[in-house]
Protein backbone atom coordinates (compact mmCIF):
# COMPACT_ATOMS: atom_id res chain seq x y z
CA UNK A 1 17.48 36.80 -31.78
CA UNK A 2 17.72 35.05 -28.09
CA UNK A 3 17.89 37.50 -25.06
CA UNK A 4 18.70 36.58 -21.43
CA UNK A 5 16.96 37.67 -18.09
CA UNK A 6 19.68 37.80 -15.11
CA UNK A 7 17.25 38.05 -11.56
CA UNK A 8 18.10 36.48 -8.47
CA UNK A 9 14.17 36.91 -7.47
CA UNK A 10 10.59 37.33 -8.50
CA UNK A 11 8.23 39.92 -6.91
CA UNK A 12 4.51 40.37 -7.20
CA UNK A 13 3.48 43.82 -8.10
CA UNK A 14 2.71 44.57 -4.06
CA UNK A 15 6.76 43.66 -4.12
CA UNK A 16 6.57 40.74 -2.25
CA UNK A 17 8.70 38.17 -3.29
CA UNK A 18 7.29 34.85 -5.11
CA UNK A 19 10.23 33.38 -6.57
CA UNK A 20 13.80 32.66 -5.74
CA UNK A 21 16.60 31.24 -8.03
CA UNK A 22 19.44 29.74 -7.04
CA UNK A 23 22.94 30.35 -7.89
CA UNK A 24 22.50 26.88 -9.89
CA UNK A 25 19.29 27.96 -11.65
CA UNK A 26 16.60 25.92 -9.56
CA UNK A 27 13.64 27.50 -7.61
CA UNK A 28 14.95 27.56 -3.94
CA UNK A 29 12.78 25.30 -1.34
CA UNK A 30 12.40 28.36 0.97
CA UNK A 31 9.10 29.30 -1.51
CA UNK A 32 8.02 25.79 -2.53
CA UNK A 33 6.01 24.26 0.41
CA UNK A 34 7.49 20.45 0.56
CA UNK A 35 7.89 18.26 3.39
CA UNK A 36 9.46 14.22 4.34
CA UNK A 37 8.45 13.57 7.70
CA UNK A 38 8.99 9.98 9.31
CA UNK A 39 8.17 8.44 12.55
CA UNK A 40 10.81 8.06 14.90
CA UNK A 41 10.28 4.15 15.98
CA UNK A 42 9.24 1.59 15.11
CA UNK A 43 4.82 1.12 14.85
CA UNK A 44 3.13 -2.32 15.87
CA UNK A 45 -0.21 -3.01 14.47
CA UNK A 46 -2.84 -5.37 15.36
CA UNK A 47 -3.50 -7.95 13.15
CA UNK A 48 -6.70 -6.97 10.39
CA UNK A 49 -7.00 -3.78 12.12
CA UNK A 50 -5.90 0.25 10.43
CA UNK A 51 -3.26 1.78 12.91
CA UNK A 52 -2.01 5.60 12.30
CA UNK A 53 1.56 5.91 11.92
CA UNK A 54 2.84 8.72 13.77
CA UNK A 55 4.70 11.16 11.34
CA UNK A 56 7.02 12.77 14.32
CA UNK A 57 9.84 13.59 12.45
CA UNK A 58 12.23 15.24 10.45
CA UNK A 59 15.83 14.31 11.79
CA UNK A 60 18.17 12.09 11.51
CA UNK A 61 18.82 12.24 8.00
CA UNK A 62 19.08 14.10 4.25
CA UNK A 63 16.23 12.26 3.81
CA UNK A 64 13.54 14.93 6.02
CA UNK A 65 12.41 18.12 5.76
CA UNK A 66 9.97 19.96 6.72
CA UNK A 67 10.11 23.45 4.38
CA UNK A 68 6.86 25.34 6.08
CA UNK A 69 6.40 24.07 9.33
CA UNK A 70 2.99 21.76 8.20
CA UNK A 71 4.32 18.56 10.77
CA UNK A 72 2.61 19.14 13.98
CA UNK A 73 0.27 16.49 15.89
CA UNK A 74 1.47 13.68 14.08
CA UNK A 75 0.10 14.86 10.69
CA UNK A 76 0.31 17.46 7.95
CA UNK A 77 -1.72 20.51 8.59
CA UNK A 78 -2.17 22.45 5.21
CA UNK A 79 -2.86 26.06 5.89
CA UNK A 80 -3.47 29.32 3.49
CA UNK A 81 -0.23 29.83 2.42
CA UNK A 82 0.12 26.37 1.89
CA UNK A 83 -3.27 25.57 0.28
CA UNK A 84 -3.12 24.66 -3.24
CA UNK A 85 -2.67 20.78 -5.07
CA UNK A 86 0.41 18.50 -4.05
CA UNK A 87 2.12 15.51 -5.09
CA UNK A 88 1.98 13.03 -2.34
CA UNK A 89 3.67 9.74 -1.08
CA UNK A 90 3.15 7.20 1.18
CA UNK A 91 5.22 4.23 2.24
CA UNK A 92 5.66 1.68 4.48
CA UNK A 93 8.39 -0.95 5.42
CA UNK A 94 7.32 -4.13 7.58
CA UNK A 95 9.74 -4.76 10.02
CA UNK A 96 11.26 -9.03 8.73
CA UNK A 97 7.80 -10.21 8.12
CA UNK A 98 5.36 -10.67 5.27
CA UNK A 99 1.82 -10.20 5.73
CA UNK A 100 -0.96 -11.92 3.41
CA UNK A 101 -2.49 -8.12 2.78
CA UNK A 102 -0.39 -4.90 2.91
CA UNK A 103 -2.43 -1.83 2.55
CA UNK A 104 -1.30 2.31 3.11
CA UNK A 105 -3.45 4.99 2.61
CA UNK A 106 -3.16 8.24 3.05
CA UNK A 107 -6.16 10.26 4.82
CA UNK A 108 -8.37 13.42 4.92
CA UNK A 109 -8.89 13.62 8.76
CA UNK A 110 -11.77 16.17 8.91
CA UNK A 111 -14.25 13.59 7.01
CA UNK A 112 -11.92 10.49 6.79
CA UNK A 113 -11.65 10.65 2.94
CA UNK A 114 -9.23 8.68 1.83
CA UNK A 115 -7.28 10.50 -1.00
CA UNK A 116 -4.37 7.83 -1.43
CA UNK A 117 -4.55 4.35 -1.09
CA UNK A 118 -2.11 0.91 -2.64
CA UNK A 119 -2.02 -2.68 -1.29
CA UNK A 120 0.29 -5.46 -2.10
CA UNK A 121 -0.33 -9.73 -1.09
CA UNK A 122 1.60 -12.38 -0.79
CA UNK A 123 0.27 -15.99 -1.55
CA UNK A 124 2.28 -17.10 1.47
CA UNK A 125 2.39 -15.25 5.03
CA UNK A 126 4.65 -14.86 8.02
CA UNK A 127 7.91 -15.09 6.11
CA UNK A 128 10.91 -13.83 8.19
CA UNK A 129 14.25 -12.41 6.56
CA UNK A 130 11.91 -10.41 4.50
CA UNK A 131 10.90 -6.33 4.81
CA UNK A 132 7.79 -6.44 2.09
CA UNK A 133 6.79 -2.86 1.68
CA UNK A 134 4.05 -0.47 -0.20
CA UNK A 135 3.63 2.75 -1.67
CA UNK A 136 1.37 4.87 -2.37
CA UNK A 137 1.62 8.46 -4.90
CA UNK A 138 -0.95 10.80 -6.36
CA UNK A 139 -1.86 14.79 -6.88
CA UNK A 140 -3.90 15.45 -4.15
CA UNK A 141 -6.04 19.58 -3.34
CA UNK A 142 -5.30 20.20 -0.36
CA UNK A 143 -7.10 23.89 1.41
CA UNK A 144 -6.34 25.53 4.25
CA UNK A 145 -7.13 23.90 7.37
CA UNK A 146 -7.01 20.30 5.81
CA UNK A 147 -4.91 17.39 7.86
CA UNK A 148 -3.43 14.51 6.62
CA UNK A 149 -2.66 11.45 8.20
CA UNK A 150 -0.73 8.30 6.82
CA UNK A 151 -2.11 4.72 8.00
CA UNK A 152 -1.75 1.20 7.15
CA UNK A 153 -3.34 -2.19 7.36
CA UNK A 154 -1.71 -5.55 7.76
CA UNK A 155 -3.39 -9.23 7.64
CA UNK A 156 -1.76 -12.31 8.71
CA UNK A 157 -2.34 -16.33 8.90
CA UNK A 158 -1.56 -16.25 12.60
CA UNK A 159 -3.35 -13.20 13.62
CA UNK A 160 -0.23 -11.68 15.38
CA UNK A 161 0.79 -8.07 15.66
CA UNK A 162 3.04 -6.96 13.20
CA UNK A 163 5.50 -4.10 13.15
CA UNK A 164 6.36 -1.17 10.23
CA UNK A 165 10.18 0.26 10.21
CA UNK A 166 9.88 3.45 11.64
CA UNK A 167 13.91 3.84 12.64
CA UNK A 168 15.22 4.57 9.57
CA UNK A 169 13.41 7.41 7.53
CA UNK A 170 13.80 5.32 4.26
CA UNK A 171 11.62 3.16 5.44
CA UNK A 172 8.30 4.19 6.54
CA UNK A 173 7.45 8.10 5.18
CA UNK A 174 5.16 10.47 3.57
CA UNK A 175 6.32 13.07 1.60
CA UNK A 176 5.11 15.73 -0.35
CA UNK A 177 5.91 19.02 -2.65
CA UNK A 178 3.11 21.84 -3.86
CA UNK A 179 2.97 22.04 -7.77
CA UNK A 180 0.20 24.57 -8.30
CA UNK A 181 -1.41 27.19 -5.51
């Protein structure tokens, strides 16, 4: 014997809507804090130093959104309404160059704790015509009041300033969604 429950919304006992269900059976993102934000311009980075990537854009393509307005001041800011466990992704793509070392990190701002980090290396540096990229992914416990920023580090043979591509939302971005409250 099987049973079917047909609902458009699930509420908690006080009557607050907890989950809204779309006509295709999926959860509506308005109830799930999630974002995919990017920088609106290329970002220059000095050799052998960390550079902050300003997270300041969601528009321009379907790849940019922020369901709870978490992006401000070039960071992702967690409130009591958005606190929980998140799956974060950070991605940076270099602009027509390959450094020896390329590192990306997502950093909790208040205490400078690196919550995610990833690195790629190259045996040859300063190769033009190539767009090296690096990505980090993982679960992060986020509490009310936490802010997160994304930084990258590049180290190249000629000690030159290199740039990360930021003009397209698929090249340098940070995304995340809450999986548990």
